[in-house]
Amino acid sequence: MSYGSYTPMPLFTPADADAIVALFREQYDALGHALGHADDTPADVDHESALHRDVMRLVGVANGIYDRTDTNVRRVELALERVTALLQSAALRTRVPLPDEFWATPLGVLVSRARWWVSADDLISISNAAALAFGENSQANRMRITRAVDRGELDSVPDPSVANPQHNKRVLRAQVERLRDLRRPAALRS
């Protein structure tokens, strides 16, 4: 993409990707050390690793490098799923919800931009989710959706166009529809 003599500055650089992968490596090393399997020498970032490739793909999306084709959307979606699975994994094989503070970190901004690029048309507000899942946008139903997010039953991502953090969460429509369908009696689902 050409802007005459102006070249846009990338939001993220390969050095940012290295720093993100290094954070994962530190966690991996700490876990290995706790298990008695760690080296005392920290490993360099492996630029050939699957994680580095995934993070670089997210960096490319955040920097506007990729065209929005079905193939690119699917590749970015898979990379996003793998990175968020690592972020949300716990030793007990449970999924840990991402805290609100995460979205202000460089990695949070990167994940948010990638999620919006992949799913912009499928992200809905908490109010819309309450109406879709429970038939009515009431305070009680919005609280039910918020609790489902807090428990990790629904993924959320902030909407960068909404400044108020209490109103900027968006959830995936497909997850809300699954939540709605799980609530229905089996006889009504057929």
C-alpha atoms as a PDB file:
ATOM      1  CA  MET A   1       0.000   0.000   0.000  1.00  0.00           C
ATOM      2  CA  SER A   2       1.506   3.333  -1.028  1.00  0.00           C
ATOM      3  CA  TYR A   3       0.841   6.681   0.553  1.00  0.00           C
ATOM      4  CA  GLY A   4       3.061   8.742  -1.758  1.00  0.00           C
ATOM      5  CA  SER A   5       6.236   9.568   0.125  1.00  0.00           C
ATOM      6  CA  TYR A   6       4.587   8.767   3.469  1.00  0.00           C
ATOM      7  CA  THR A   7       5.211   5.306   4.880  1.00  0.00           C
ATOM      8  CA  PRO A   8       2.921   4.408   7.794  1.00  0.00           C
ATOM      9  CA  MET A   9       4.705   3.371  10.961  1.00  0.00           C
ATOM     10  CA  PRO A  10       3.790  -0.158  11.990  1.00  0.00           C
ATOM     11  CA  LEU A  11       1.898  -0.531  15.232  1.00  0.00           C
ATOM     12  CA  PHE A  12       3.945  -3.623  16.117  1.00  0.00           C
ATOM     13  CA  THR A  13       7.429  -4.709  15.059  1.00  0.00           C
ATOM     14  CA  PRO A  14       9.217  -8.052  14.934  1.00  0.00           C
ATOM     15  CA  ALA A  15      10.935  -6.974  18.174  1.00  0.00           C
ATOM     16  CA  ASP A  16       7.477  -6.696  19.769  1.00  0.00           C
ATOM     17  CA  ALA A  17       6.707 -10.232  18.598  1.00  0.00           C
ATOM     18  CA  ASP A  18       9.999 -11.408  20.111  1.00  0.00           C
ATOM     19  CA  ALA A  19       9.104  -9.752  23.427  1.00  0.00           C
ATOM     20  CA  ILE A  20       5.687 -11.435  23.447  1.00  0.00           C
ATOM     21  CA  VAL A  21       7.186 -14.846  22.709  1.00  0.00           C
ATOM     22  CA  ALA A  22       9.795 -14.189  25.420  1.00  0.00           C
ATOM     23  CA  LEU A  23       6.961 -13.706  27.943  1.00  0.00           C
ATOM     24  CA  PHE A  24       5.608 -17.145  27.057  1.00  0.00           C
ATOM     25  CA  ARG A  25       9.155 -18.541  27.276  1.00  0.00           C
ATOM     26  CA  GLU A  26       9.613 -17.085  30.770  1.00  0.00           C
ATOM     27  CA  GLN A  27       6.418 -18.791  31.928  1.00  0.00           C
ATOM     28  CA  TYR A  28       7.524 -22.043  30.302  1.00  0.00           C
ATOM     29  CA  ASP A  29      10.950 -21.790  31.985  1.00  0.00           C
ATOM     30  CA  ALA A  30       9.366 -21.053  35.386  1.00  0.00           C
ATOM     31  CA  LEU A  31       7.118 -24.075  35.064  1.00  0.00           C
ATOM     32  CA  GLY A  32      10.048 -26.240  33.939  1.00  0.00           C
ATOM     33  CA  HIS A  33      12.135 -25.015  36.860  1.00  0.00           C
ATOM     34  CA  ALA A  34       9.304 -25.826  39.294  1.00  0.00           C
ATOM     35  CA  LEU A  35       9.153 -29.319  37.803  1.00  0.00           C
ATOM     36  CA  GLY A  36      12.921 -29.709  38.034  1.00  0.00           C
ATOM     37  CA  HIS A  37      13.457 -29.744  34.267  1.00  0.00           C
ATOM     38  CA  ALA A  38      14.779 -26.259  33.591  1.00  0.00           C
ATOM     39  CA  ASP A  39      18.129 -25.094  32.310  1.00  0.00           C
ATOM     40  CA  ASP A  40      19.779 -22.228  34.095  1.00  0.00           C
ATOM     41  CA  THR A  41      20.485 -20.563  30.751  1.00  0.00           C
ATOM     42  CA  PRO A  42      17.521 -18.794  29.200  1.00  0.00           C
ATOM     43  CA  ALA A  43      16.855 -19.814  25.620  1.00  0.00           C
ATOM     44  CA  ASP A  44      16.750 -17.308  22.796  1.00  0.00           C
ATOM     45  CA  VAL A  45      13.479 -16.706  21.024  1.00  0.00           C
ATOM     46  CA  ASP A  46      13.039 -19.357  18.349  1.00  0.00           C
ATOM     47  CA  HIS A  47      11.978 -17.470  15.246  1.00  0.00           C
ATOM     48  CA  GLU A  48      11.026 -20.754  13.592  1.00  0.00           C
ATOM     49  CA  SER A  49       8.629 -21.840  16.342  1.00  0.00           C
ATOM     50  CA  ALA A  50       4.918 -22.193  15.706  1.00  0.00           C
ATOM     51  CA  LEU A  51       4.223 -19.642  18.453  1.00  0.00           C
ATOM     52  CA  HIS A  52       6.492 -17.051  16.840  1.00  0.00           C
ATOM     53  CA  ARG A  53       4.835 -17.627  13.458  1.00  0.00           C
ATOM     54  CA  ASP A  54       1.400 -17.208  15.063  1.00  0.00           C
ATOM     55  CA  VAL A  55       2.396 -14.002  16.860  1.00  0.00           C
ATOM     56  CA  MET A  56       3.950 -12.612  13.661  1.00  0.00           C
ATOM     57  CA  ARG A  57       0.696 -13.374  11.821  1.00  0.00           C
ATOM     58  CA  LEU A  58      -1.204 -11.381  14.486  1.00  0.00           C
ATOM     59  CA  VAL A  59       1.366  -8.577  14.163  1.00  0.00           C
ATOM     60  CA  GLY A  60       0.750  -8.555  10.418  1.00  0.00           C
ATOM     61  CA  VAL A  61      -2.988  -8.168  10.984  1.00  0.00           C
ATOM     62  CA  ALA A  62      -2.513  -5.398  13.553  1.00  0.00           C
ATOM     63  CA  ASN A  63      -0.232  -3.573  11.111  1.00  0.00           C
ATOM     64  CA  GLY A  64      -2.707  -3.920   8.233  1.00  0.00           C
ATOM     65  CA  ILE A  65      -0.464  -6.102   6.079  1.00  0.00           C
ATOM     66  CA  TYR A  66      -2.985  -8.809   5.157  1.00  0.00           C
ATOM     67  CA  ASP A  67      -5.841  -8.552   2.716  1.00  0.00           C
ATOM     68  CA  ARG A  68      -9.090  -9.878   4.132  1.00  0.00           C
ATOM     69  CA  THR A  69      -9.503 -13.092   2.140  1.00  0.00           C
ATOM     70  CA  ASP A  70     -11.208 -16.251   3.386  1.00  0.00           C
ATOM     71  CA  THR A  71      -7.837 -18.006   3.544  1.00  0.00           C
ATOM     72  CA  ASN A  72      -6.169 -15.200   5.509  1.00  0.00           C
ATOM     73  CA  VAL A  73      -9.109 -14.893   7.894  1.00  0.00           C
ATOM     74  CA  ARG A  74      -8.962 -18.627   8.608  1.00  0.00           C
ATOM     75  CA  ARG A  75      -5.177 -18.585   9.120  1.00  0.00           C
ATOM     76  CA  VAL A  76      -5.379 -15.616  11.477  1.00  0.00           C
ATOM     77  CA  GLU A  77      -8.312 -17.163  13.324  1.00  0.00           C
ATOM     78  CA  LEU A  78      -6.322 -20.361  13.920  1.00  0.00           C
ATOM     79  CA  ALA A  79      -3.273 -18.374  15.059  1.00  0.00           C
ATOM     80  CA  LEU A  80      -5.494 -16.346  17.372  1.00  0.00           C
ATOM     81  CA  GLU A  81      -7.065 -19.513  18.810  1.00  0.00           C
ATOM     82  CA  ARG A  82      -3.635 -21.044  19.500  1.00  0.00           C
ATOM     83  CA  VAL A  83      -2.240 -17.897  21.144  1.00  0.00           C
ATOM     84  CA  THR A  84      -5.326 -17.313  23.306  1.00  0.00           C
ATOM     85  CA  ALA A  85      -5.400 -20.994  24.277  1.00  0.00           C
ATOM     86  CA  LEU A  86      -1.851 -20.596  25.595  1.00  0.00           C
ATOM     87  CA  LEU A  87      -2.805 -17.395  27.401  1.00  0.00           C
ATOM     88  CA  GLN A  88      -5.844 -18.972  29.011  1.00  0.00           C
ATOM     89  CA  SER A  89      -4.388 -22.367  29.871  1.00  0.00           C
ATOM     90  CA  ALA A  90      -3.966 -23.459  33.454  1.00  0.00           C
ATOM     91  CA  ALA A  91      -2.225 -26.403  35.044  1.00  0.00           C
ATOM     92  CA  LEU A  92      -5.553 -28.035  35.854  1.00  0.00           C
ATOM     93  CA  ARG A  93      -6.511 -27.931  32.154  1.00  0.00           C
ATOM     94  CA  THR A  94      -9.134 -25.344  32.810  1.00  0.00           C
ATOM     95  CA  ARG A  95      -9.615 -22.192  30.796  1.00  0.00           C
ATOM     96  CA  VAL A  96      -8.783 -19.007  32.682  1.00  0.00           C
ATOM     97  CA  PRO A  97     -10.628 -15.849  31.568  1.00  0.00           C
ATOM     98  CA  LEU A  98      -8.390 -12.945  30.569  1.00  0.00           C
ATOM     99  CA  PRO A  99      -8.557 -10.113  33.126  1.00  0.00           C
ATOM    100  CA  ASP A 100      -9.687  -6.651  32.037  1.00  0.00           C
ATOM    101  CA  GLU A 101      -6.162  -5.318  32.654  1.00  0.00           C
ATOM    102  CA  PHE A 102      -4.821  -7.667  29.959  1.00  0.00           C
ATOM    103  CA  TRP A 103      -6.421  -5.587  27.199  1.00  0.00           C
ATOM    104  CA  ALA A 104      -4.229  -2.567  28.048  1.00  0.00           C
ATOM    105  CA  THR A 105      -0.992  -4.544  27.516  1.00  0.00           C
ATOM    106  CA  PRO A 106       0.748  -4.753  24.126  1.00  0.00           C
ATOM    107  CA  LEU A 107      -0.264  -8.403  23.837  1.00  0.00           C
ATOM    108  CA  GLY A 108      -3.861  -7.501  24.749  1.00  0.00           C
ATOM    109  CA  VAL A 109      -3.961  -4.805  22.069  1.00  0.00           C
ATOM    110  CA  LEU A 110      -2.527  -7.278  19.560  1.00  0.00           C
ATOM    111  CA  VAL A 111      -5.096  -9.980  20.434  1.00  0.00           C
ATOM    112  CA  SER A 112      -7.917  -7.417  20.393  1.00  0.00           C
ATOM    113  CA  ARG A 113      -6.981  -6.099  16.956  1.00  0.00           C
ATOM    114  CA  ALA A 114      -6.709  -9.625  15.570  1.00  0.00           C
ATOM    115  CA  ARG A 115     -10.076 -10.642  17.078  1.00  0.00           C
ATOM    116  CA  TRP A 116     -11.767  -7.574  15.578  1.00  0.00           C
ATOM    117  CA  TRP A 117     -10.155  -8.266  12.197  1.00  0.00           C
ATOM    118  CA  VAL A 118     -11.375 -11.866  12.235  1.00  0.00           C
ATOM    119  CA  SER A 119     -14.778 -11.423  13.886  1.00  0.00           C
ATOM    120  CA  ALA A 120     -15.935  -7.803  13.586  1.00  0.00           C
ATOM    121  CA  ASP A 121     -19.293  -8.818  12.095  1.00  0.00           C
ATOM    122  CA  ASP A 122     -19.828 -11.487  14.767  1.00  0.00           C
ATOM    123  CA  LEU A 123     -19.089  -9.424  17.898  1.00  0.00           C
ATOM    124  CA  ILE A 124     -22.137  -8.159  19.769  1.00  0.00           C
ATOM    125  CA  SER A 125     -22.671  -6.009  22.845  1.00  0.00           C
ATOM    126  CA  ILE A 126     -23.574  -7.407  26.245  1.00  0.00           C
ATOM    127  CA  SER A 127     -27.068  -5.920  25.791  1.00  0.00           C
ATOM    128  CA  ASN A 128     -27.551  -7.661  22.444  1.00  0.00           C
ATOM    129  CA  ALA A 129     -26.183 -10.884  23.916  1.00  0.00           C
ATOM    130  CA  ALA A 130     -28.674 -10.703  26.800  1.00  0.00           C
ATOM    131  CA  ALA A 131     -31.567 -10.294  24.363  1.00  0.00           C
ATOM    132  CA  LEU A 132     -30.302 -13.094  22.109  1.00  0.00           C
ATOM    133  CA  ALA A 133     -29.594 -15.595  24.875  1.00  0.00           C
ATOM    134  CA  PHE A 134     -32.486 -14.891  27.222  1.00  0.00           C
ATOM    135  CA  GLY A 135     -35.098 -13.139  25.073  1.00  0.00           C
ATOM    136  CA  GLU A 136     -34.885  -9.780  26.816  1.00  0.00           C
ATOM    137  CA  ASN A 137     -32.277  -7.062  27.371  1.00  0.00           C
ATOM    138  CA  SER A 138     -32.827  -6.606  31.088  1.00  0.00           C
ATOM    139  CA  GLN A 139     -30.387  -5.750  33.864  1.00  0.00           C
ATOM    140  CA  ALA A 140     -30.647  -9.301  35.208  1.00  0.00           C
ATOM    141  CA  ASN A 141     -29.941 -10.843  31.798  1.00  0.00           C
ATOM    142  CA  ARG A 142     -26.987  -8.501  31.167  1.00  0.00           C
ATOM    143  CA  MET A 143     -25.597  -9.614  34.533  1.00  0.00           C
ATOM    144  CA  ARG A 144     -26.048 -13.256  33.470  1.00  0.00           C
ATOM    145  CA  ILE A 145     -23.995 -12.579  30.332  1.00  0.00           C
ATOM    146  CA  THR A 146     -21.347 -10.721  32.357  1.00  0.00           C
ATOM    147  CA  ARG A 147     -21.100 -13.651  34.787  1.00  0.00           C
ATOM    148  CA  ALA A 148     -20.747 -16.062  31.838  1.00  0.00           C
ATOM    149  CA  VAL A 149     -17.827 -13.923  30.609  1.00  0.00           C
ATOM    150  CA  ASP A 150     -16.305 -13.861  34.104  1.00  0.00           C
ATOM    151  CA  ARG A 151     -16.561 -17.667  34.341  1.00  0.00           C
ATOM    152  CA  GLY A 152     -14.906 -18.061  30.933  1.00  0.00           C
ATOM    153  CA  GLU A 153     -18.032 -19.481  29.279  1.00  0.00           C
ATOM    154  CA  LEU A 154     -18.042 -16.597  26.784  1.00  0.00           C
ATOM    155  CA  ASP A 155     -14.995 -14.898  25.289  1.00  0.00           C
ATOM    156  CA  SER A 156     -15.028 -11.129  25.344  1.00  0.00           C
ATOM    157  CA  VAL A 157     -12.954  -8.484  23.645  1.00  0.00           C
ATOM    158  CA  PRO A 158     -13.042  -4.710  24.174  1.00  0.00           C
ATOM    159  CA  ASP A 159     -14.486  -2.453  21.504  1.00  0.00           C
ATOM    160  CA  PRO A 160     -11.833   0.208  20.892  1.00  0.00           C
ATOM    161  CA  SER A 161     -14.497   2.659  19.683  1.00  0.00           C
ATOM    162  CA  VAL A 162     -16.197   2.727  23.130  1.00  0.00           C
ATOM    163  CA  ALA A 163     -14.227   4.603  25.794  1.00  0.00           C
ATOM    164  CA  ASN A 164     -16.204   3.437  28.835  1.00  0.00           C
ATOM    165  CA  PRO A 165     -14.728   0.099  29.939  1.00  0.00           C
ATOM    166  CA  GLN A 166     -18.037  -0.880  31.523  1.00  0.00           C
ATOM    167  CA  HIS A 167     -19.744  -0.693  28.133  1.00  0.00           C
ATOM    168  CA  ASN A 168     -17.043  -1.743  25.689  1.00  0.00           C
ATOM    169  CA  LYS A 169     -17.105  -5.537  26.045  1.00  0.00           C
ATOM    170  CA  ARG A 170     -18.210  -7.511  23.020  1.00  0.00           C
ATOM    171  CA  VAL A 171     -18.875 -11.245  22.830  1.00  0.00           C
ATOM    172  CA  LEU A 172     -19.028 -13.685  19.936  1.00  0.00           C
ATOM    173  CA  ARG A 173     -22.530 -14.212  18.589  1.00  0.00           C
ATOM    174  CA  ALA A 174     -21.926 -17.945  17.981  1.00  0.00           C
ATOM    175  CA  GLN A 175     -20.956 -18.492  21.627  1.00  0.00           C
ATOM    176  CA  VAL A 176     -24.074 -16.648  22.806  1.00  0.00           C
ATOM    177  CA  GLU A 177     -26.224 -18.751  20.475  1.00  0.00           C
ATOM    178  CA  ARG A 178     -24.665 -21.927  21.939  1.00  0.00           C
ATOM    179  CA  LEU A 179     -25.402 -20.632  25.434  1.00  0.00           C
ATOM    180  CA  ARG A 180     -29.004 -19.957  24.395  1.00  0.00           C
ATOM    181  CA  ASP A 181     -29.354 -23.402  22.810  1.00  0.00           C
ATOM    182  CA  LEU A 182     -27.982 -25.132  25.915  1.00  0.00           C
ATOM    183  CA  ARG A 183     -30.697 -23.461  27.979  1.00  0.00           C
ATOM    184  CA  ARG A 184     -33.536 -24.736  25.778  1.00  0.00           C
ATOM    185  CA  PRO A 185     -35.169 -28.047  26.576  1.00  0.00           C
ATOM    186  CA  ALA A 186     -34.254 -30.793  24.107  1.00  0.00           C
ATOM    187  CA  ALA A 187     -37.834 -30.952  22.768  1.00  0.00           C
ATOM    188  CA  LEU A 188     -37.681 -27.259  21.690  1.00  0.00           C
ATOM    189  CA  ARG A 189     -34.288 -27.646  19.949  1.00  0.00           C
ATOM    190  CA  SER A 190     -35.592 -30.107  17.357  1.00  0.00           C
END
